[in-house]
Amino acid sequence: MENIYTQEVDASNIVRYKSMKFLAIGSFVIAGLYLLIGQYTAGSVMALFGFFALYARKYSLIRYAYGISGDKISVERIVAGKERKKMFDFKISDIIIMAPERSEKIKELKINPDKTMAFHMKGLTTGVYTVLAKADGKVYKLKLAPDKRFIELCQKKNREKVIKE
């Protein structure tokens, strides 16, 4: 039986979420006032703006799920607790290096990745790991915020490439 481990990381922006809600309510109130005085075009535009704010608000509630299944790591984005989308997956054996973000060993490699992706809360300064991995013939730089168990499982499968803090 293969190991299956999943970890979820919150990357929500609560300030943006609350601001968008306030903006939507304000837009609907202004739209109602415009409609009361007979300004139907302006009222319609404000109502549309309010609906846009409500729609965009859900994209402020984001979580990332990191999963290990056998030799495979997958990263999914979860929007508003409902919509799951697979963002990236790769094999643990294809890791070039996995180390804390500020590790000198990453800088020593001097590898220019084809693409860089961050799957953690913006502004997070501690606990962020950089993973350089090969997938589809390209080198990717991923920034994750894994817990100890996740790191231990990766280290168990690729000891020489995974460096703990």
N, C-alpha and C. Protein backbone atom coordinates (compact mmCIF):
# COMPACT_ATOMS: atom_id res chain seq x y z
N MET A 1 0.85 -1.19 0.00
CA MET A 1 0.00 0.00 0.00
C MET A 1 0.89 1.25 0.00
N GLU A 2 0.58 2.19 -0.86
CA GLU A 2 1.42 3.38 -0.96
C GLU A 2 0.96 4.47 0.03
N ASN A 3 1.93 5.33 0.37
CA ASN A 3 1.62 6.42 1.29
C ASN A 3 0.74 7.46 0.61
N ILE A 4 -0.28 7.88 1.29
CA ILE A 4 -1.11 8.98 0.80
C ILE A 4 -1.18 10.00 1.92
N TYR A 5 -0.72 11.22 1.62
CA TYR A 5 -0.72 12.28 2.62
C TYR A 5 -1.16 13.56 1.92
N THR A 6 -2.06 14.29 2.55
CA THR A 6 -2.53 15.56 2.01
C THR A 6 -2.43 16.64 3.07
N GLN A 7 -1.97 17.80 2.65
CA GLN A 7 -1.87 18.96 3.53
C GLN A 7 -2.50 20.14 2.82
N GLU A 8 -3.29 20.93 3.55
CA GLU A 8 -3.88 22.13 2.98
C GLU A 8 -3.25 23.36 3.61
N VAL A 9 -3.00 24.37 2.77
CA VAL A 9 -2.38 25.62 3.21
C VAL A 9 -3.30 26.76 2.83
N ASP A 10 -3.61 27.61 3.79
CA ASP A 10 -4.49 28.75 3.55
C ASP A 10 -3.71 29.88 2.89
N ALA A 11 -4.25 30.40 1.81
CA ALA A 11 -3.64 31.54 1.12
C ALA A 11 -4.66 32.65 0.91
N SER A 12 -5.67 32.69 1.77
CA SER A 12 -6.77 33.65 1.62
C SER A 12 -6.33 35.07 1.98
N ASN A 13 -6.99 36.01 1.34
CA ASN A 13 -6.79 37.42 1.64
C ASN A 13 -8.10 37.94 2.22
N ILE A 14 -8.21 37.87 3.54
CA ILE A 14 -9.46 38.23 4.22
C ILE A 14 -9.79 39.71 4.05
N VAL A 15 -8.79 40.57 4.03
CA VAL A 15 -9.04 42.00 3.86
C VAL A 15 -9.68 42.25 2.50
N ARG A 16 -9.14 41.62 1.45
CA ARG A 16 -9.71 41.78 0.11
C ARG A 16 -11.13 41.21 0.07
N TYR A 17 -11.35 40.08 0.73
CA TYR A 17 -12.67 39.44 0.76
C TYR A 17 -13.71 40.39 1.37
N LYS A 18 -13.38 40.96 2.52
CA LYS A 18 -14.31 41.87 3.19
C LYS A 18 -14.48 43.17 2.40
N SER A 19 -13.42 43.65 1.77
CA SER A 19 -13.50 44.88 0.97
C SER A 19 -14.41 44.68 -0.23
N MET A 20 -14.30 43.54 -0.88
CA MET A 20 -15.14 43.27 -2.05
C MET A 20 -16.61 43.16 -1.64
N LYS A 21 -16.88 42.60 -0.46
CA LYS A 21 -18.25 42.51 0.03
C LYS A 21 -18.81 43.91 0.28
N PHE A 22 -18.01 44.76 0.92
CA PHE A 22 -18.41 46.14 1.18
C PHE A 22 -18.64 46.88 -0.13
N LEU A 23 -17.76 46.68 -1.09
CA LEU A 23 -17.88 47.32 -2.40
C LEU A 23 -19.16 46.88 -3.12
N ALA A 24 -19.48 45.59 -3.03
CA ALA A 24 -20.69 45.08 -3.67
C ALA A 24 -21.94 45.68 -3.04
N ILE A 25 -21.99 45.70 -1.72
CA ILE A 25 -23.16 46.26 -1.03
C ILE A 25 -23.30 47.74 -1.36
N GLY A 26 -22.19 48.46 -1.33
CA GLY A 26 -22.22 49.88 -1.68
C GLY A 26 -22.70 50.11 -3.10
N SER A 27 -22.26 49.28 -4.02
CA SER A 27 -22.68 49.41 -5.42
C SER A 27 -24.18 49.17 -5.57
N PHE A 28 -24.71 48.18 -4.86
CA PHE A 28 -26.15 47.90 -4.94
C PHE A 28 -26.97 49.04 -4.34
N VAL A 29 -26.49 49.64 -3.25
CA VAL A 29 -27.20 50.77 -2.64
C VAL A 29 -27.22 51.95 -3.60
N ILE A 30 -26.06 52.25 -4.20
CA ILE A 30 -25.99 53.37 -5.15
C ILE A 30 -26.84 53.07 -6.38
N ALA A 31 -26.82 51.83 -6.85
CA ALA A 31 -27.64 51.44 -8.00
C ALA A 31 -29.13 51.65 -7.68
N GLY A 32 -29.53 51.29 -6.46
CA GLY A 32 -30.92 51.49 -6.05
C GLY A 32 -31.30 52.97 -6.03
N LEU A 33 -30.40 53.80 -5.55
CA LEU A 33 -30.66 55.25 -5.53
C LEU A 33 -30.78 55.80 -6.94
N TYR A 34 -29.90 55.36 -7.83
CA TYR A 34 -29.98 55.81 -9.23
C TYR A 34 -31.30 55.39 -9.86
N LEU A 35 -31.73 54.16 -9.57
CA LEU A 35 -32.98 53.68 -10.14
C LEU A 35 -34.18 54.45 -9.59
N LEU A 36 -34.11 54.86 -8.32
CA LEU A 36 -35.20 55.65 -7.71
C LEU A 36 -35.37 57.01 -8.38
N ILE A 37 -34.25 57.60 -8.80
CA ILE A 37 -34.35 58.93 -9.42
C ILE A 37 -34.47 58.85 -10.94
N GLY A 38 -34.56 57.63 -11.47
CA GLY A 38 -34.81 57.48 -12.90
C GLY A 38 -33.58 57.36 -13.77
N GLN A 39 -32.42 57.25 -13.19
CA GLN A 39 -31.18 57.09 -13.96
C GLN A 39 -30.92 55.60 -14.17
N TYR A 40 -31.62 55.02 -15.16
CA TYR A 40 -31.58 53.57 -15.36
C TYR A 40 -30.23 53.08 -15.88
N THR A 41 -29.59 53.84 -16.72
CA THR A 41 -28.29 53.41 -17.26
C THR A 41 -27.24 53.39 -16.15
N ALA A 42 -27.16 54.46 -15.38
CA ALA A 42 -26.19 54.52 -14.28
C ALA A 42 -26.50 53.46 -13.23
N GLY A 43 -27.79 53.24 -12.95
CA GLY A 43 -28.19 52.22 -11.98
C GLY A 43 -27.80 50.83 -12.45
N SER A 44 -27.98 50.56 -13.73
CA SER A 44 -27.61 49.26 -14.30
C SER A 44 -26.10 49.03 -14.23
N VAL A 45 -25.34 50.07 -14.54
CA VAL A 45 -23.88 49.96 -14.50
C VAL A 45 -23.41 49.69 -13.07
N MET A 46 -23.97 50.38 -12.11
CA MET A 46 -23.60 50.17 -10.70
C MET A 46 -24.00 48.77 -10.23
N ALA A 47 -25.14 48.28 -10.67
CA ALA A 47 -25.58 46.93 -10.31
C ALA A 47 -24.63 45.90 -10.91
N LEU A 48 -24.23 46.10 -12.15
CA LEU A 48 -23.27 45.18 -12.79
C LEU A 48 -21.94 45.19 -12.04
N PHE A 49 -21.54 46.37 -11.61
CA PHE A 49 -20.30 46.50 -10.84
C PHE A 49 -20.41 45.72 -9.52
N GLY A 50 -21.58 45.80 -8.90
CA GLY A 50 -21.82 45.06 -7.66
C GLY A 50 -21.76 43.56 -7.88
N PHE A 51 -22.35 43.07 -8.98
CA PHE A 51 -22.29 41.63 -9.29
C PHE A 51 -20.86 41.19 -9.58
N PHE A 52 -20.10 42.04 -10.27
CA PHE A 52 -18.70 41.73 -10.52
C PHE A 52 -17.93 41.61 -9.21
N ALA A 53 -18.18 42.52 -8.28
CA ALA A 53 -17.50 42.48 -6.98
C ALA A 53 -17.85 41.21 -6.22
N LEU A 54 -19.10 40.79 -6.27
CA LEU A 54 -19.50 39.54 -5.61
C LEU A 54 -18.83 38.33 -6.25
N TYR A 55 -18.74 38.33 -7.57
CA TYR A 55 -18.10 37.22 -8.27
C TYR A 55 -16.60 37.17 -7.96
N ALA A 56 -15.94 38.32 -8.00
CA ALA A 56 -14.50 38.38 -7.76
C ALA A 56 -14.14 38.10 -6.30
N ARG A 57 -15.07 38.32 -5.41
CA ARG A 57 -14.82 38.13 -3.98
C ARG A 57 -14.42 36.70 -3.64
N LYS A 58 -15.01 35.73 -4.31
CA LYS A 58 -14.70 34.33 -3.99
C LYS A 58 -13.25 33.97 -4.30
N TYR A 59 -12.62 34.70 -5.21
CA TYR A 59 -11.22 34.42 -5.55
C TYR A 59 -10.24 34.95 -4.50
N SER A 60 -10.77 35.55 -3.46
CA SER A 60 -9.93 35.97 -2.33
C SER A 60 -9.79 34.85 -1.30
N LEU A 61 -10.66 33.85 -1.38
CA LEU A 61 -10.62 32.71 -0.46
C LEU A 61 -9.96 31.53 -1.18
N ILE A 62 -8.66 31.44 -1.06
CA ILE A 62 -7.89 30.41 -1.77
C ILE A 62 -7.11 29.57 -0.78
N ARG A 63 -7.11 28.27 -1.04
CA ARG A 63 -6.30 27.31 -0.29
C ARG A 63 -5.53 26.47 -1.31
N TYR A 64 -4.40 25.97 -0.88
CA TYR A 64 -3.65 25.04 -1.71
C TYR A 64 -3.57 23.70 -0.99
N ALA A 65 -3.72 22.62 -1.73
CA ALA A 65 -3.60 21.29 -1.17
C ALA A 65 -2.38 20.62 -1.80
N TYR A 66 -1.46 20.19 -0.95
CA TYR A 66 -0.29 19.44 -1.41
C TYR A 66 -0.55 17.98 -1.08
N GLY A 67 -0.40 17.13 -2.04
CA GLY A 67 -0.64 15.71 -1.80
C GLY A 67 0.52 14.84 -2.23
N ILE A 68 0.81 13.82 -1.44
CA ILE A 68 1.82 12.84 -1.79
C ILE A 68 1.12 11.50 -1.92
N SER A 69 1.29 10.88 -3.05
CA SER A 69 0.73 9.56 -3.29
C SER A 69 1.81 8.72 -3.97
N GLY A 70 2.42 7.83 -3.22
CA GLY A 70 3.53 7.05 -3.76
C GLY A 70 4.73 7.95 -3.99
N ASP A 71 5.14 8.05 -5.25
CA ASP A 71 6.29 8.89 -5.63
C ASP A 71 5.84 10.20 -6.27
N LYS A 72 4.56 10.50 -6.20
CA LYS A 72 4.02 11.65 -6.90
C LYS A 72 3.53 12.72 -5.93
N ILE A 73 3.89 13.97 -6.23
CA ILE A 73 3.39 15.14 -5.49
C ILE A 73 2.46 15.90 -6.41
N SER A 74 1.28 16.24 -5.90
CA SER A 74 0.37 17.06 -6.69
C SER A 74 -0.03 18.28 -5.88
N VAL A 75 -0.23 19.38 -6.58
CA VAL A 75 -0.63 20.64 -5.96
C VAL A 75 -1.95 21.06 -6.60
N GLU A 76 -2.94 21.33 -5.75
CA GLU A 76 -4.25 21.77 -6.21
C GLU A 76 -4.60 23.11 -5.59
N ARG A 77 -5.34 23.93 -6.34
CA ARG A 77 -5.85 25.19 -5.82
C ARG A 77 -7.33 24.99 -5.52
N ILE A 78 -7.75 25.43 -4.33
CA ILE A 78 -9.15 25.32 -3.91
C ILE A 78 -9.69 26.74 -3.75
N VAL A 79 -10.67 27.10 -4.57
CA VAL A 79 -11.25 28.44 -4.53
C VAL A 79 -12.58 28.38 -3.78
N ALA A 80 -12.71 29.21 -2.76
CA ALA A 80 -13.93 29.35 -1.96
C ALA A 80 -14.39 28.01 -1.37
N GLY A 81 -13.45 27.13 -1.12
CA GLY A 81 -13.76 25.85 -0.49
C GLY A 81 -14.46 24.85 -1.39
N LYS A 82 -14.66 25.17 -2.66
CA LYS A 82 -15.45 24.31 -3.55
C LYS A 82 -14.69 23.90 -4.80
N GLU A 83 -14.25 24.85 -5.56
CA GLU A 83 -13.64 24.58 -6.87
C GLU A 83 -12.20 24.12 -6.70
N ARG A 84 -11.92 22.88 -7.12
CA ARG A 84 -10.56 22.33 -7.05
C ARG A 84 -9.99 22.29 -8.46
N LYS A 85 -8.75 22.72 -8.58
CA LYS A 85 -8.08 22.68 -9.88
C LYS A 85 -6.66 22.19 -9.67
N LYS A 86 -6.28 21.17 -10.41
CA LYS A 86 -4.91 20.67 -10.32
C LYS A 86 -3.98 21.69 -10.97
N MET A 87 -3.02 22.17 -10.20
CA MET A 87 -2.10 23.18 -10.69
C MET A 87 -0.80 22.58 -11.22
N PHE A 88 -0.31 21.54 -10.52
CA PHE A 88 0.99 21.00 -10.90
C PHE A 88 1.17 19.64 -10.25
N ASP A 89 1.84 18.74 -10.94
CA ASP A 89 2.24 17.49 -10.31
C ASP A 89 3.57 17.03 -10.89
N PHE A 90 4.34 16.33 -10.04
CA PHE A 90 5.66 15.86 -10.42
C PHE A 90 6.06 14.71 -9.51
N LYS A 91 7.10 13.99 -9.90
CA LYS A 91 7.57 12.87 -9.10
C LYS A 91 8.63 13.35 -8.11
N ILE A 92 8.62 12.75 -6.94
CA ILE A 92 9.61 13.09 -5.92
C ILE A 92 11.01 12.76 -6.43
N SER A 93 11.12 11.72 -7.23
CA SER A 93 12.42 11.35 -7.79
C SER A 93 12.93 12.38 -8.80
N ASP A 94 12.05 13.25 -9.31
CA ASP A 94 12.46 14.29 -10.27
C ASP A 94 12.86 15.60 -9.59
N ILE A 95 12.88 15.62 -8.26
CA ILE A 95 13.28 16.82 -7.54
C ILE A 95 14.79 17.02 -7.71
N ILE A 96 15.16 18.22 -8.14
CA ILE A 96 16.57 18.59 -8.22
C ILE A 96 17.06 18.97 -6.83
N ILE A 97 16.28 19.82 -6.16
CA ILE A 97 16.55 20.18 -4.77
C ILE A 97 15.26 20.70 -4.14
N MET A 98 15.10 20.39 -2.87
CA MET A 98 14.00 20.92 -2.06
C MET A 98 14.63 21.40 -0.77
N ALA A 99 14.58 22.71 -0.55
CA ALA A 99 15.26 23.30 0.60
C ALA A 99 14.51 24.56 1.03
N PRO A 100 14.79 25.04 2.26
CA PRO A 100 14.20 26.31 2.67
C PRO A 100 14.50 27.41 1.66
N GLU A 101 13.58 28.33 1.50
CA GLU A 101 13.66 29.36 0.46
C GLU A 101 14.98 30.12 0.47
N ARG A 102 15.51 30.41 1.63
CA ARG A 102 16.73 31.22 1.72
C ARG A 102 18.00 30.37 1.83
N SER A 103 17.91 29.12 1.48
CA SER A 103 19.06 28.22 1.58
C SER A 103 20.15 28.58 0.56
N GLU A 104 21.37 28.51 1.01
CA GLU A 104 22.52 28.77 0.13
C GLU A 104 22.68 27.69 -0.93
N LYS A 105 22.23 26.48 -0.64
CA LYS A 105 22.38 25.37 -1.58
C LYS A 105 21.60 25.61 -2.86
N ILE A 106 20.49 26.30 -2.77
CA ILE A 106 19.70 26.62 -3.96
C ILE A 106 20.45 27.65 -4.79
N LYS A 107 21.03 28.64 -4.13
CA LYS A 107 21.77 29.68 -4.84
C LYS A 107 23.03 29.12 -5.49
N GLU A 108 23.65 28.12 -4.86
CA GLU A 108 24.86 27.51 -5.40
C GLU A 108 24.61 26.79 -6.72
N LEU A 109 23.41 26.24 -6.90
CA LEU A 109 23.11 25.49 -8.12
C LEU A 109 23.06 26.39 -9.36
N LYS A 110 22.68 27.64 -9.19
CA LYS A 110 22.59 28.61 -10.29
C LYS A 110 21.78 28.07 -11.47
N ILE A 111 20.62 27.53 -11.16
CA ILE A 111 19.72 27.01 -12.19
C ILE A 111 18.66 28.06 -12.48
N ASN A 112 18.48 28.37 -13.75
CA ASN A 112 17.42 29.29 -14.16
C ASN A 112 16.20 28.46 -14.55
N PRO A 113 15.14 28.52 -13.74
CA PRO A 113 13.95 27.72 -14.04
C PRO A 113 13.20 28.28 -15.25
N ASP A 114 12.48 27.39 -15.93
CA ASP A 114 11.64 27.81 -17.05
C ASP A 114 10.40 28.54 -16.55
N LYS A 115 9.92 28.15 -15.36
CA LYS A 115 8.73 28.79 -14.80
C LYS A 115 8.80 28.74 -13.28
N THR A 116 8.35 29.83 -12.63
CA THR A 116 8.29 29.90 -11.17
C THR A 116 6.83 30.05 -10.75
N MET A 117 6.43 29.24 -9.74
CA MET A 117 5.06 29.29 -9.25
C MET A 117 5.07 29.27 -7.73
N ALA A 118 4.22 30.09 -7.12
CA ALA A 118 4.12 30.13 -5.66
C ALA A 118 2.77 29.58 -5.24
N PHE A 119 2.79 28.61 -4.34
CA PHE A 119 1.58 27.98 -3.83
C PHE A 119 1.53 28.11 -2.32
N HIS A 120 1.51 29.35 -1.84
CA HIS A 120 1.42 29.64 -0.41
C HIS A 120 0.89 31.06 -0.24
N MET A 121 0.63 31.46 1.00
CA MET A 121 0.13 32.80 1.28
C MET A 121 1.19 33.85 0.94
N LYS A 122 0.80 34.89 0.26
CA LYS A 122 1.73 35.97 -0.06
C LYS A 122 2.18 36.65 1.22
N GLY A 123 3.44 37.00 1.28
CA GLY A 123 3.99 37.67 2.45
C GLY A 123 4.50 36.71 3.51
N LEU A 124 4.33 35.42 3.30
CA LEU A 124 4.82 34.42 4.25
C LEU A 124 6.34 34.39 4.19
N THR A 125 6.99 34.55 5.34
CA THR A 125 8.45 34.63 5.35
C THR A 125 9.12 33.41 5.95
N THR A 126 8.43 32.68 6.81
CA THR A 126 9.04 31.49 7.41
C THR A 126 8.28 30.25 6.97
N GLY A 127 9.00 29.16 6.88
CA GLY A 127 8.38 27.89 6.52
C GLY A 127 8.18 27.67 5.03
N VAL A 128 8.69 28.59 4.21
CA VAL A 128 8.55 28.45 2.76
C VAL A 128 9.73 27.65 2.22
N TYR A 129 9.42 26.65 1.43
CA TYR A 129 10.43 25.81 0.80
C TYR A 129 10.42 26.05 -0.70
N THR A 130 11.59 26.02 -1.29
CA THR A 130 11.71 26.10 -2.74
C THR A 130 12.00 24.71 -3.26
N VAL A 131 11.27 24.33 -4.28
CA VAL A 131 11.46 23.03 -4.92
C VAL A 131 11.82 23.28 -6.37
N LEU A 132 12.98 22.80 -6.77
CA LEU A 132 13.34 22.80 -8.18
C LEU A 132 13.11 21.38 -8.67
N ALA A 133 12.27 21.24 -9.68
CA ALA A 133 11.92 19.91 -10.17
C ALA A 133 11.85 19.90 -11.69
N LYS A 134 12.15 18.74 -12.25
CA LYS A 134 12.03 18.54 -13.69
C LYS A 134 10.66 17.92 -13.97
N ALA A 135 9.99 18.46 -14.96
CA ALA A 135 8.72 17.90 -15.41
C ALA A 135 8.51 18.32 -16.86
N ASP A 136 8.10 17.40 -17.67
CA ASP A 136 7.83 17.68 -19.08
C ASP A 136 9.05 18.28 -19.80
N GLY A 137 10.25 17.90 -19.41
CA GLY A 137 11.46 18.41 -20.06
C GLY A 137 11.84 19.82 -19.66
N LYS A 138 11.18 20.38 -18.68
CA LYS A 138 11.48 21.74 -18.22
C LYS A 138 11.82 21.70 -16.74
N VAL A 139 12.45 22.79 -16.27
CA VAL A 139 12.76 22.92 -14.85
C VAL A 139 11.79 23.95 -14.26
N TYR A 140 11.11 23.55 -13.20
CA TYR A 140 10.14 24.42 -12.54
C TYR A 140 10.63 24.75 -11.14
N LYS A 141 10.35 25.98 -10.73
CA LYS A 141 10.66 26.43 -9.37
C LYS A 141 9.33 26.65 -8.67
N LEU A 142 9.09 25.82 -7.66
CA LEU A 142 7.85 25.90 -6.91
C LEU A 142 8.13 26.38 -5.50
N LYS A 143 7.30 27.24 -5.00
CA LYS A 143 7.42 27.70 -3.62
C LYS A 143 6.23 27.16 -2.85
N LEU A 144 6.52 26.33 -1.85
CA LEU A 144 5.50 25.67 -1.05
C LEU A 144 5.70 26.00 0.43
N ALA A 145 4.67 25.77 1.22
CA ALA A 145 4.76 25.93 2.68
C ALA A 145 4.40 24.59 3.32
N PRO A 146 5.26 23.58 3.19
CA PRO A 146 4.93 22.25 3.69
C PRO A 146 5.10 22.13 5.20
N ASP A 147 4.38 21.18 5.80
CA ASP A 147 4.58 20.91 7.21
C ASP A 147 5.68 19.85 7.37
N LYS A 148 6.02 19.54 8.63
CA LYS A 148 7.13 18.61 8.91
C LYS A 148 6.88 17.24 8.32
N ARG A 149 5.67 16.75 8.42
CA ARG A 149 5.34 15.40 7.91
C ARG A 149 5.54 15.33 6.39
N PHE A 150 5.13 16.37 5.68
CA PHE A 150 5.29 16.43 4.24
C PHE A 150 6.77 16.38 3.86
N ILE A 151 7.57 17.17 4.57
CA ILE A 151 9.02 17.20 4.30
C ILE A 151 9.64 15.85 4.60
N GLU A 152 9.24 15.23 5.71
CA GLU A 152 9.78 13.92 6.08
C GLU A 152 9.47 12.86 5.03
N LEU A 153 8.24 12.87 4.50
CA LEU A 153 7.87 11.90 3.46
C LEU A 153 8.68 12.12 2.19
N CYS A 154 8.91 13.38 1.84
CA CYS A 154 9.73 13.67 0.65
C CYS A 154 11.17 13.23 0.90
N GLN A 155 11.66 13.50 2.09
CA GLN A 155 13.04 13.15 2.42
C GLN A 155 13.23 11.63 2.44
N LYS A 156 12.23 10.92 2.86
CA LYS A 156 12.28 9.46 2.91
C LYS A 156 12.44 8.86 1.50
N LYS A 157 11.84 9.51 0.52
CA LYS A 157 11.87 9.00 -0.85
C LYS A 157 13.02 9.55 -1.69
N ASN A 158 13.60 10.69 -1.28
CA ASN A 158 14.70 11.30 -2.04
C ASN A 158 15.63 12.02 -1.05
N ARG A 159 16.31 11.27 -0.22
CA ARG A 159 17.09 11.79 0.90
C ARG A 159 18.15 12.81 0.49
N GLU A 160 18.87 12.56 -0.58
CA GLU A 160 19.98 13.45 -0.93
C GLU A 160 19.54 14.78 -1.54
N LYS A 161 18.30 14.87 -2.00
CA LYS A 161 17.83 16.10 -2.64
C LYS A 161 16.94 16.96 -1.75
N VAL A 162 16.44 16.40 -0.64
CA VAL A 162 15.54 17.14 0.23
C VAL A 162 16.31 17.54 1.49
N ILE A 163 16.35 18.85 1.72
CA ILE A 163 17.12 19.40 2.86
C ILE A 163 16.14 20.02 3.84
N LYS A 164 16.22 19.56 5.10
CA LYS A 164 15.35 20.09 6.16
C LYS A 164 15.96 21.36 6.74
N GLU A 165 15.09 22.18 7.32
CA GLU A 165 15.51 23.40 8.00
C GLU A 165 16.29 23.10 9.25
